[in-house]
Protein backbone atom coordinates (compact mmCIF):
# COMPACT_ATOMS: atom_id res chain seq x y z
CA UNK A 1 -27.98 8.43 -30.42
CA UNK A 2 -28.30 12.58 -30.71
CA UNK A 3 -26.01 14.63 -30.89
CA UNK A 4 -25.25 16.82 -27.59
CA UNK A 5 -27.28 19.20 -27.31
CA UNK A 6 -26.05 23.05 -26.27
CA UNK A 7 -29.56 24.74 -26.28
CA UNK A 8 -29.48 26.10 -23.04
CA UNK A 9 -25.50 25.06 -21.99
CA UNK A 10 -22.35 27.42 -22.24
CA UNK A 11 -19.62 27.39 -23.93
CA UNK A 12 -16.23 28.42 -23.76
CA UNK A 13 -14.33 29.59 -27.00
CA UNK A 14 -10.45 30.79 -26.41
CA UNK A 15 -9.03 32.92 -28.65
CA UNK A 16 -12.84 33.99 -29.38
CA UNK A 17 -12.48 37.58 -31.03
CA UNK A 18 -11.14 36.38 -34.92
CA UNK A 19 -10.58 34.01 -37.18
CA UNK A 20 -11.05 30.10 -35.54
CA UNK A 21 -12.27 30.61 -32.75
CA UNK A 22 -14.45 33.58 -33.35
CA UNK A 23 -15.98 31.22 -36.79
CA UNK A 24 -17.16 28.65 -33.94
CA UNK A 25 -18.43 30.92 -31.35
CA UNK A 26 -20.69 31.81 -33.92
CA UNK A 27 -21.52 28.20 -35.21
CA UNK A 28 -22.33 26.92 -31.26
CA UNK A 29 -24.66 29.86 -30.31
CA UNK A 30 -26.20 29.41 -33.28
CA UNK A 31 -26.80 25.57 -31.37
CA UNK A 32 -28.19 27.89 -28.96
CA UNK A 33 -24.91 27.83 -26.39
CA UNK A 34 -24.19 30.85 -24.24
CA UNK A 35 -20.92 31.61 -24.94
CA UNK A 36 -17.52 33.26 -23.49
CA UNK A 37 -15.30 35.11 -25.72
CA UNK A 38 -12.12 34.34 -23.15
CA UNK A 39 -9.34 36.72 -25.63
CA UNK A 40 -7.18 39.40 -25.02
CA UNK A 41 -8.83 41.46 -28.00
CA UNK A 42 -11.33 43.19 -25.80
CA UNK A 43 -12.98 45.75 -28.69
CA UNK A 44 -13.35 42.64 -31.31
CA UNK A 45 -14.59 40.12 -28.33
CA UNK A 46 -16.59 42.52 -27.03
CA UNK A 47 -18.45 42.84 -30.34
CA UNK A 48 -18.31 39.01 -31.31
CA UNK A 49 -19.97 38.07 -28.31
CA UNK A 50 -22.17 41.16 -28.21
CA UNK A 51 -23.82 39.67 -32.15
CA UNK A 52 -23.56 35.91 -30.79
CA UNK A 53 -25.50 37.27 -27.47
CA UNK A 54 -22.54 36.02 -25.61
CA UNK A 55 -20.49 37.62 -23.39
CA UNK A 56 -16.63 38.69 -23.45
CA UNK A 57 -13.55 37.56 -20.39
CA UNK A 58 -10.49 39.07 -21.32
CA UNK A 59 -8.85 36.53 -20.86
CA UNK A 60 -5.19 35.40 -20.79
CA UNK A 61 -5.03 31.55 -20.98
CA UNK A 62 -1.93 31.18 -19.45
CA UNK A 63 -3.04 33.15 -15.93
CA UNK A 64 -5.09 30.47 -13.44
CA UNK A 65 -7.29 33.98 -12.28
CA UNK A 66 -8.56 34.46 -15.80
CA UNK A 67 -9.24 31.22 -16.59
CA UNK A 68 -11.46 31.13 -13.64
CA UNK A 69 -12.79 33.98 -14.05
CA UNK A 70 -13.94 32.71 -17.72
CA UNK A 71 -15.00 29.47 -16.39
CA UNK A 72 -16.98 31.11 -13.61
CA UNK A 73 -19.20 33.32 -15.85
CA UNK A 74 -20.15 30.83 -18.46
CA UNK A 75 -20.88 28.11 -15.33
CA UNK A 76 -23.46 31.23 -14.58
CA UNK A 77 -24.84 31.54 -18.04
CA UNK A 78 -25.87 27.58 -17.92
CA UNK A 79 -23.99 24.64 -17.48
CA UNK A 80 -20.63 24.50 -19.05
CA UNK A 81 -20.69 21.68 -21.78
CA UNK A 82 -18.05 22.51 -24.44
CA UNK A 83 -14.61 24.36 -24.20
CA UNK A 84 -12.51 24.89 -27.60
CA UNK A 85 -8.83 26.02 -27.01
CA UNK A 86 -8.67 27.67 -30.15
CA UNK A 87 -6.34 31.01 -28.47
CA UNK A 88 -2.06 30.72 -29.60
CA UNK A 89 0.59 32.39 -31.95
CA UNK A 90 3.57 31.76 -32.90
CA UNK A 91 6.95 33.66 -33.22
CA UNK A 92 9.37 32.15 -36.16
CA UNK A 93 13.36 31.65 -34.73
CA UNK A 94 15.62 28.86 -35.99
CA UNK A 95 17.70 27.06 -32.60
CA UNK A 96 20.39 28.81 -34.13
CA UNK A 97 20.52 32.37 -36.19
CA UNK A 98 23.13 33.15 -39.10
CA UNK A 99 25.55 33.81 -36.94
CA UNK A 100 25.31 30.38 -35.23
CA UNK A 101 24.05 32.37 -31.97
CA UNK A 102 21.53 30.93 -30.31
CA UNK A 103 18.22 31.63 -30.22
CA UNK A 104 16.74 33.45 -27.38
CA UNK A 105 15.54 31.27 -24.95
CA UNK A 106 12.51 32.94 -23.78
CA UNK A 107 11.22 33.30 -27.08
CA UNK A 108 10.61 29.80 -26.89
CA UNK A 109 9.51 29.66 -23.24
CA UNK A 110 6.42 32.03 -24.54
CA UNK A 111 5.46 30.27 -27.04
CA UNK A 112 5.02 27.39 -25.13
CA UNK A 113 3.64 29.17 -22.23
CA UNK A 114 0.91 30.54 -24.32
CA UNK A 115 -0.27 27.49 -26.68
CA UNK A 116 0.89 24.50 -24.13
CA UNK A 117 0.53 25.57 -20.90
CA UNK A 118 -2.47 27.70 -21.77
CA UNK A 119 -4.26 24.98 -23.20
CA UNK A 120 -3.96 22.60 -20.24
CA UNK A 121 -5.04 25.51 -18.24
CA UNK A 122 -7.83 26.10 -19.68
CA UNK A 123 -9.14 22.68 -20.10
CA UNK A 124 -7.88 21.38 -16.29
CA UNK A 125 -10.51 24.72 -14.82
CA UNK A 126 -13.11 23.85 -17.43
CA UNK A 127 -13.08 19.68 -17.04
CA UNK A 128 -13.58 20.88 -12.85
CA UNK A 129 -16.82 23.02 -14.16
CA UNK A 130 -18.07 20.16 -16.30
CA UNK A 131 -17.11 17.30 -14.40
CA UNK A 132 -20.18 19.08 -11.26
CA UNK A 133 -22.97 19.06 -13.94
CA UNK A 134 -25.29 16.86 -14.45
CA UNK A 135 -25.11 13.43 -16.68
CA UNK A 136 -27.06 14.61 -20.21
CA UNK A 137 -27.71 10.89 -20.96
CA UNK A 138 -27.05 7.32 -19.88
CA UNK A 139 -23.87 7.35 -20.94
CA UNK A 140 -23.33 9.90 -18.46
CA UNK A 141 -21.49 12.57 -20.96
CA UNK A 142 -21.66 15.97 -19.52
CA UNK A 143 -19.48 17.89 -21.88
CA UNK A 144 -16.33 17.80 -24.37
CA UNK A 145 -13.55 19.35 -25.17
CA UNK A 146 -11.61 20.13 -28.50
CA UNK A 147 -8.18 21.26 -28.73
CA UNK A 148 -6.86 23.22 -31.41
CA UNK A 149 -2.82 22.10 -32.40
CA UNK A 150 -1.78 22.40 -36.34
CA UNK A 151 0.12 20.54 -39.00
CA UNK A 152 2.91 21.61 -37.66
CA UNK A 153 3.08 18.94 -34.92
CA UNK A 154 3.62 16.39 -37.97
CA UNK A 155 5.00 18.60 -40.34
CA UNK A 156 7.03 21.47 -38.69
CA UNK A 157 8.88 24.20 -41.24
CA UNK A 158 12.41 25.27 -40.46
CA UNK A 159 12.20 28.21 -37.89
CA UNK A 160 8.90 26.85 -36.30
CA UNK A 161 10.31 24.25 -33.06
CA UNK A 162 8.78 26.33 -30.58
CA UNK A 163 5.71 26.84 -32.19
CA UNK A 164 5.86 22.80 -33.33
CA UNK A 165 6.35 22.06 -29.98
CA UNK A 166 3.85 23.62 -28.00
CA UNK A 167 1.67 22.04 -30.69
CA UNK A 168 2.85 18.64 -30.73
CA UNK A 169 2.20 18.56 -27.38
CA UNK A 170 -1.77 19.39 -27.01
CA UNK A 171 -1.57 16.81 -29.72
CA UNK A 172 0.42 14.14 -27.08
CA UNK A 173 -1.63 15.05 -24.22
CA UNK A 174 -4.96 14.74 -26.27
CA UNK A 175 -4.92 10.51 -25.45
CA UNK A 176 -3.78 10.70 -21.59
CA UNK A 177 -6.14 13.63 -20.62
CA UNK A 178 -9.60 11.92 -23.17
CA UNK A 179 -8.79 8.59 -20.04
CA UNK A 180 -8.54 11.03 -17.50
CA UNK A 181 -11.80 13.06 -17.96
CA UNK A 182 -13.53 9.53 -19.45
CA UNK A 183 -13.89 8.66 -15.67
CA UNK A 184 -16.38 11.89 -15.70
CA UNK A 185 -18.03 11.89 -18.80
CA UNK A 186 -15.95 14.29 -20.76
CA UNK A 187 -14.54 13.57 -24.20
CA UNK A 188 -11.52 15.25 -25.60
CA UNK A 189 -10.44 15.68 -29.18
CA UNK A 190 -8.18 17.81 -31.21
CA UNK A 191 -7.92 19.56 -34.68
CA UNK A 192 -4.38 20.04 -36.60
CA UNK A 193 -5.50 23.08 -39.31
CA UNK A 194 -3.41 23.12 -42.26
CA UNK A 195 -3.66 26.88 -44.25
CA UNK A 196 -6.25 28.23 -42.76
CA UNK A 197 -7.36 31.88 -44.12
CA UNK A 198 -7.28 33.46 -40.97
CA UNK A 199 -6.52 37.40 -40.02
CA UNK A 200 -2.93 37.00 -39.28
CA UNK A 201 -2.24 36.85 -43.54
CA UNK A 202 -3.58 40.41 -43.62
CA UNK A 203 -5.76 42.02 -46.78
CA UNK A 204 -5.17 43.46 -49.80
CA UNK A 205 -4.19 42.83 -53.39
CA UNK A 206 -0.81 41.31 -51.69
CA UNK A 207 -1.91 39.43 -49.08
CA UNK A 208 -4.54 37.90 -51.44
CA UNK A 209 -2.04 36.91 -54.27
CA UNK A 210 0.04 34.98 -51.47
CA UNK A 211 -2.81 33.06 -49.92
CA UNK A 212 -3.56 31.82 -53.92
CA UNK A 213 0.45 31.30 -54.04
CA UNK A 214 -0.02 28.75 -50.29
CA UNK A 215 -3.24 27.09 -51.86
CA UNK A 216 -1.10 25.98 -54.45
CA UNK A 217 0.73 23.59 -51.79
CA UNK A 218 -2.62 21.96 -50.42
CA UNK A 219 -3.36 18.94 -52.22
CA UNK A 220 -6.79 19.69 -53.25
CA UNK A 221 -8.95 21.62 -53.43
CA UNK A 222 -5.97 24.41 -53.64
CA UNK A 223 -6.89 27.23 -51.92
CA UNK A 224 -6.21 28.08 -47.97
CA UNK A 225 -9.06 26.37 -45.72
CA UNK A 226 -11.95 29.05 -44.18
CA UNK A 227 -12.09 29.56 -40.43
CA UNK A 228 -15.42 28.38 -41.33
CA UNK A 229 -14.81 24.76 -42.59
CA UNK A 230 -12.54 24.74 -39.45
CA UNK A 231 -15.57 25.18 -37.19
CA UNK A 232 -17.34 22.80 -38.81
CA UNK A 233 -15.26 20.28 -37.29
CA UNK A 234 -15.26 21.71 -33.97
CA UNK A 235 -19.00 21.57 -34.40
CA UNK A 236 -19.33 18.03 -34.80
CA UNK A 237 -16.05 16.58 -32.37
CA UNK A 238 -18.39 18.63 -29.65
CA UNK A 239 -21.93 17.16 -30.62
CA UNK A 240 -21.02 14.00 -31.98
CA UNK A 241 -21.39 11.18 -28.29
CA UNK A 242 -18.64 8.82 -30.07
CA UNK A 243 -15.70 11.21 -30.83
CA UNK A 244 -13.28 10.50 -28.14
CA UNK A 245 -9.36 10.56 -27.95
CA UNK A 246 -8.86 11.56 -31.60
CA UNK A 247 -6.68 14.38 -33.22
CA UNK A 248 -7.84 15.14 -36.68
CA UNK A 249 -6.04 16.88 -39.49
CA UNK A 250 -8.52 19.74 -41.39
CA UNK A 251 -5.36 20.13 -44.00
CA UNK A 252 -7.48 19.83 -48.17
CA UNK A 253 -4.15 16.99 -47.64
CA UNK A 254 -1.04 19.02 -47.25
CA UNK A 255 2.29 18.49 -45.95
CA UNK A 256 4.07 20.74 -45.34
CA UNK A 257 7.30 21.20 -47.16
CA UNK A 258 11.08 22.09 -44.36
CA UNK A 259 10.41 25.81 -45.50
């Protein structure tokens, strides 16, 4: 059974202007996909899109209007066959602070809105477009969706209540959505990354020392993962026709401590 052929098809990568999303966009483009970079970082997103022969669409993933525009742009370039939900953020905050004051509810809500509700928004809109495409094979396969959760969904640390809840929600919705979309031949999988070397850590000597220290907590290899290594799994989950309804940790075997 051959892998899913992306040549001439379109794909959407949210958060595709940098980090894991950028690496995934580049690898999908290398397979012939026409990639829409759906991101808020206009300069970076446009630069990446130009380099890979794709298209940048400014997109707040929690906005139905923005998500619809991204899906429409992708569908104009070819049948939509892949969505990578890589946009996300984290805002640490303890449930109560050192003065025993409660966490700002709006801070919790914001993380949930972007990470969880935004992922579902892009997923539902993309799935509707995929369902209208012609099947690719005798199985009736039409496309694949990869969500980005986190090991924080399982090993949430102090101050990660909002982030862990948002990523745990993504893990929890993977199976039921895969079941929903099985009727139209769309597969759904989720990746839970560990400590990944992305621009969030900054650059320079101090940053390198901090990343090396973090890497010592990884089982093996004792380093941070690369965005490219995460993108390898993204591509495998999209192109392997028998991967469905799964949550996979890509983390070097790390289990996060309380702090």
